[in-house]
Protein backbone atom coordinates (compact mmCIF):
# COMPACT_ATOMS: atom_id res chain seq x y z
CA UNK A 1 107.44 133.07 79.43
CA UNK A 2 105.31 132.69 76.29
CA UNK A 3 101.58 133.35 76.12
CA UNK A 4 100.81 129.62 75.98
CA UNK A 5 103.06 128.91 78.98
CA UNK A 6 101.26 131.59 80.99
CA UNK A 7 97.90 130.02 80.12
CA UNK A 8 99.09 126.60 81.26
CA UNK A 9 100.49 128.06 84.48
CA UNK A 10 97.26 129.93 85.21
CA UNK A 11 95.26 126.74 84.58
CA UNK A 12 97.43 124.85 87.08
CA UNK A 13 97.05 127.63 89.68
CA UNK A 14 93.26 127.75 89.30
CA UNK A 15 93.07 123.95 89.60
CA UNK A 16 95.21 124.02 92.74
CA UNK A 17 93.19 126.81 94.37
CA UNK A 18 89.90 125.07 93.62
CA UNK A 19 90.84 121.60 94.81
CA UNK A 20 94.14 121.72 96.63
CA UNK A 21 93.02 122.63 100.15
CA UNK A 22 91.90 119.41 101.81
CA UNK A 23 91.73 118.27 105.40
CA UNK A 24 94.30 115.76 106.64
CA UNK A 25 93.08 112.18 106.77
CA UNK A 26 94.36 108.64 106.76
CA UNK A 27 94.25 107.52 103.14
CA UNK A 28 95.72 104.86 100.88
CA UNK A 29 99.20 106.35 101.25
CA UNK A 30 100.63 104.05 103.93
CA UNK A 31 100.49 106.13 107.08
CA UNK A 32 103.33 107.13 109.39
CA UNK A 33 104.49 104.31 111.65
CA UNK A 34 102.28 101.66 110.06
CA UNK A 35 105.03 99.60 108.45
CA UNK A 36 107.62 97.69 110.52
CA UNK A 37 111.09 99.33 110.35
CA UNK A 38 112.65 96.59 108.20
CA UNK A 39 110.06 97.12 105.46
CA UNK A 40 110.60 100.89 105.56
CA UNK A 41 114.32 100.31 104.96
CA UNK A 42 113.83 97.65 102.28
CA UNK A 43 111.39 99.69 100.20
CA UNK A 44 113.57 102.79 100.55
CA UNK A 45 116.60 100.84 99.28
CA UNK A 46 114.63 99.43 96.33
CA UNK A 47 113.63 102.97 95.32
CA UNK A 48 117.19 104.34 95.19
CA UNK A 49 118.25 103.15 91.69
CA UNK A 50 114.93 104.28 90.21
CA UNK A 51 115.33 107.72 91.77
CA UNK A 52 118.89 108.09 90.50
CA UNK A 53 117.79 107.12 86.99
CA UNK A 54 114.80 109.47 87.31
CA UNK A 55 117.02 112.39 88.31
CA UNK A 56 119.19 111.98 85.22
CA UNK A 57 116.12 111.55 83.02
CA UNK A 58 114.52 114.74 84.36
CA UNK A 59 117.80 116.64 84.08
CA UNK A 60 118.19 115.54 80.45
CA UNK A 61 114.63 116.61 79.59
CA UNK A 62 115.17 120.08 81.06
CA UNK A 63 118.60 120.56 79.46
CA UNK A 64 117.29 119.59 76.03
CA UNK A 65 114.16 121.72 76.25
CA UNK A 66 114.01 124.56 78.77
CA UNK A 67 110.36 125.21 77.88
CA UNK A 68 109.50 121.84 79.39
CA UNK A 69 109.94 123.29 82.91
CA UNK A 70 106.43 124.76 82.82
CA UNK A 71 104.86 121.44 81.81
CA UNK A 72 106.94 119.59 84.42
CA UNK A 73 105.75 122.02 87.11
CA UNK A 74 102.15 121.52 85.98
CA UNK A 75 102.54 117.73 86.10
CA UNK A 76 103.97 117.96 89.63
CA UNK A 77 101.12 120.23 90.74
CA UNK A 78 98.60 117.83 89.20
CA UNK A 79 100.10 114.89 91.14
CA UNK A 80 100.06 116.88 94.39
CA UNK A 81 96.50 118.10 94.03
CA UNK A 82 94.84 114.99 92.67
CA UNK A 83 96.51 112.62 95.14
CA UNK A 84 95.50 114.88 98.04
CA UNK A 85 91.80 114.46 97.33
CA UNK A 86 90.52 111.64 99.51
CA UNK A 87 87.29 109.74 98.91
CA UNK A 88 85.84 107.76 101.86
CA UNK A 89 86.13 104.02 101.35
CA UNK A 90 85.00 101.17 103.59
CA UNK A 91 86.17 100.29 107.12
CA UNK A 92 87.02 103.93 107.82
CA UNK A 93 89.70 104.13 105.14
CA UNK A 94 90.02 106.37 102.07
CA UNK A 95 90.98 106.11 98.41
CA UNK A 96 92.41 108.71 96.07
CA UNK A 97 93.72 109.15 92.55
CA UNK A 98 97.47 109.28 91.88
CA UNK A 99 98.00 111.67 88.96
CA UNK A 100 101.34 110.08 88.05
CA UNK A 101 100.11 108.51 84.82
CA UNK A 102 99.93 111.90 83.10
CA UNK A 103 103.56 112.70 83.91
CA UNK A 104 104.71 109.25 82.80
CA UNK A 105 102.99 109.71 79.45
CA UNK A 106 104.62 113.12 78.91
CA UNK A 107 108.12 112.62 80.34
CA UNK A 108 108.60 108.90 80.89
CA UNK A 109 108.36 106.88 84.08
CA UNK A 110 111.81 107.84 85.37
CA UNK A 111 111.16 111.57 85.66
CA UNK A 112 107.90 110.96 87.53
CA UNK A 113 109.75 109.14 90.32
CA UNK A 114 111.36 112.48 91.25
CA UNK A 115 108.10 114.43 90.99
CA UNK A 116 106.34 111.73 93.00
CA UNK A 117 108.78 111.62 95.90
CA UNK A 118 108.76 115.42 96.17
CA UNK A 119 104.96 115.38 96.32
CA UNK A 120 104.96 112.58 98.91
CA UNK A 121 107.41 114.44 101.15
CA UNK A 122 105.30 117.62 101.07
CA UNK A 123 102.09 115.68 101.69
CA UNK A 124 103.62 113.84 104.65
CA UNK A 125 104.88 117.07 106.22
CA UNK A 126 102.06 119.49 105.36
CA UNK A 127 98.95 117.29 105.17
CA UNK A 128 99.81 114.32 107.41
CA UNK A 129 99.03 112.29 104.28
CA UNK A 130 101.32 109.28 104.21
CA UNK A 131 104.48 109.48 106.30
CA UNK A 132 108.23 109.86 106.28
CA UNK A 133 108.91 106.38 107.63
CA UNK A 134 106.68 104.90 104.92
CA UNK A 135 108.11 107.19 102.23
CA UNK A 136 110.00 104.40 100.47
CA UNK A 137 106.96 102.14 100.20
CA UNK A 138 104.69 104.98 99.05
CA UNK A 139 107.28 106.17 96.53
CA UNK A 140 107.64 102.70 95.04
CA UNK A 141 103.91 102.13 94.62
CA UNK A 142 102.81 105.60 93.50
CA UNK A 143 105.89 107.15 91.89
CA UNK A 144 107.65 104.10 90.41
CA UNK A 145 105.44 101.04 89.84
CA UNK A 146 102.30 102.91 88.72
CA UNK A 147 104.14 105.24 86.29
CA UNK A 148 106.09 102.32 84.80
CA UNK A 149 102.83 100.55 83.97
CA UNK A 150 101.26 103.77 82.63
CA UNK A 151 104.26 104.40 80.38
CA UNK A 152 104.26 100.80 79.17
CA UNK A 153 100.54 100.82 78.41
CA UNK A 154 100.82 104.11 76.51
CA UNK A 155 103.73 102.86 74.39
CA UNK A 156 101.89 99.60 73.70
CA UNK A 157 98.83 101.54 72.55
CA UNK A 158 101.05 103.58 70.23
CA UNK A 159 102.46 100.42 68.65
CA UNK A 160 98.97 99.01 68.23
CA UNK A 161 97.87 102.27 66.54
CA UNK A 162 95.26 102.95 69.23
CA UNK A 163 93.89 106.51 69.16
CA UNK A 164 96.12 108.73 71.28
CA UNK A 165 93.39 109.83 73.67
CA UNK A 166 92.19 106.27 74.20
CA UNK A 167 95.78 105.25 74.95
CA UNK A 168 96.13 108.09 77.46
CA UNK A 169 92.92 107.06 79.20
CA UNK A 170 93.97 103.42 79.46
CA UNK A 171 97.50 104.28 80.60
CA UNK A 172 96.36 106.65 83.36
CA UNK A 173 93.52 104.41 84.59
CA UNK A 174 95.47 101.15 84.61
CA UNK A 175 98.52 102.82 86.18
CA UNK A 176 96.28 104.11 88.97
CA UNK A 177 94.85 100.65 89.62
CA UNK A 178 98.30 99.04 89.55
CA UNK A 179 99.51 101.48 92.20
CA UNK A 180 96.86 100.16 94.57
CA UNK A 181 97.65 96.57 93.71
CA UNK A 182 101.28 97.20 94.69
CA UNK A 183 100.25 98.97 97.89
CA UNK A 184 98.01 96.05 98.81
CA UNK A 185 100.91 93.64 98.30
CA UNK A 186 103.18 95.86 100.41
CA UNK A 187 100.66 95.80 103.24
CA UNK A 188 100.14 92.06 102.84
CA UNK A 189 103.89 91.41 103.08
CA UNK A 190 104.05 93.37 106.31
CA UNK A 191 100.84 91.92 107.76
CA UNK A 192 100.14 88.45 106.31
CA UNK A 193 96.89 86.74 107.25
CA UNK A 194 97.16 84.14 110.01
CA UNK A 195 95.06 81.71 108.01
CA UNK A 196 95.83 82.39 104.34
CA UNK A 197 99.21 84.10 104.47
CA UNK A 198 100.33 86.91 102.16
CA UNK A 199 97.97 86.03 99.29
CA UNK A 200 94.85 86.09 101.47
CA UNK A 201 95.93 89.35 103.08
CA UNK A 202 96.57 90.95 99.68
CA UNK A 203 93.10 89.93 98.48
CA UNK A 204 91.59 91.44 101.61
CA UNK A 205 93.38 94.78 101.10
CA UNK A 206 92.44 94.85 97.42
CA UNK A 207 88.80 94.20 98.27
CA UNK A 208 88.77 97.09 100.73
CA UNK A 209 89.73 99.66 98.11
CA UNK A 210 88.22 98.22 94.92
CA UNK A 211 84.69 99.73 95.38
CA UNK A 212 86.05 103.28 95.34
CA UNK A 213 89.32 102.86 93.44
CA UNK A 214 87.89 101.47 90.20
CA UNK A 215 85.64 104.51 89.55
CA UNK A 216 88.45 106.83 90.69
CA UNK A 217 90.79 105.23 88.15
CA UNK A 218 88.23 105.86 85.41
CA UNK A 219 87.90 109.49 86.51
CA UNK A 220 91.70 109.89 86.52
CA UNK A 221 91.85 108.52 82.99
CA UNK A 222 89.23 111.01 81.81
CA UNK A 223 90.95 113.93 83.59
CA UNK A 224 94.28 113.01 82.02
CA UNK A 225 92.72 113.05 78.55
CA UNK A 226 91.07 116.43 79.21
CA UNK A 227 94.37 117.94 80.34
CA UNK A 228 96.23 116.58 77.32
CA UNK A 229 93.57 118.06 75.02
CA UNK A 230 94.08 121.41 76.77
CA UNK A 231 97.85 121.18 76.35
CA UNK A 232 97.46 120.24 72.69
CA UNK A 233 95.45 123.41 72.26
CA UNK A 234 97.46 125.90 74.29
CA UNK A 235 100.94 124.37 74.60
CA UNK A 236 101.47 122.55 71.33
CA UNK A 237 105.00 123.92 70.86
CA UNK A 238 106.01 122.64 74.30
CA UNK A 239 104.57 119.20 73.56
CA UNK A 240 106.41 119.17 70.26
CA UNK A 241 109.64 120.01 72.07
CA UNK A 242 109.06 117.06 74.40
CA UNK A 243 108.52 114.78 71.42
CA UNK A 244 104.97 114.03 72.50
CA UNK A 245 103.67 115.57 69.27
CA UNK A 246 105.64 115.25 66.04
CA UNK A 247 106.46 118.45 64.16
CA UNK A 248 103.69 119.27 61.71
CA UNK A 249 101.26 116.89 63.36
CA UNK A 250 97.75 118.21 63.97
């Protein structure tokens, strides 16, 4: 392990020790037993092709650049830690960041689906955060839909010649917000309003989390930029190997 890799690993460990121990609580991950069985099955089935594609994407990244393992591990740790931090919202609920935007920017959306589902399984088992029956729905919103939007926003910013750090901020923040939009729709599909149907229910769920989720998305965007700046300083060769930084680029 190179000197830069050790620095990155130590940074991830310190971050995890400082912020990773949190009490269990019901948060925006859909909790165990909350979704009707048919929706658990449907969302799980929808996730399967994305997970298969993600496995091959992650395998290709590792086979082409063994040094990327350290950055992949850091991205997984970041997702686990940052999505375990719950902020009280209204009506007794909680909001939290996702952390998946950073991984999508570095490795593509496919690879993050694997990191995300691993994180969600551990959180469900160890922290009672989310659930195994709702794993498919949580995986789709946090590990598939959000990262896809983050990756798309980042690539769009590149084409538009937007400054890299601004693009990272926008990608991470908007991906975070989109995750919660998808989760709200998932909940609305399972529990439509008696008066306004699915649309009214979705608006209600979105309104519940908006007061805390918007500032959290901004914070996640800033954190993602800070981490990328750190990696550009201490793990430039690894980022070059991933293709994130072009050879010779400052």
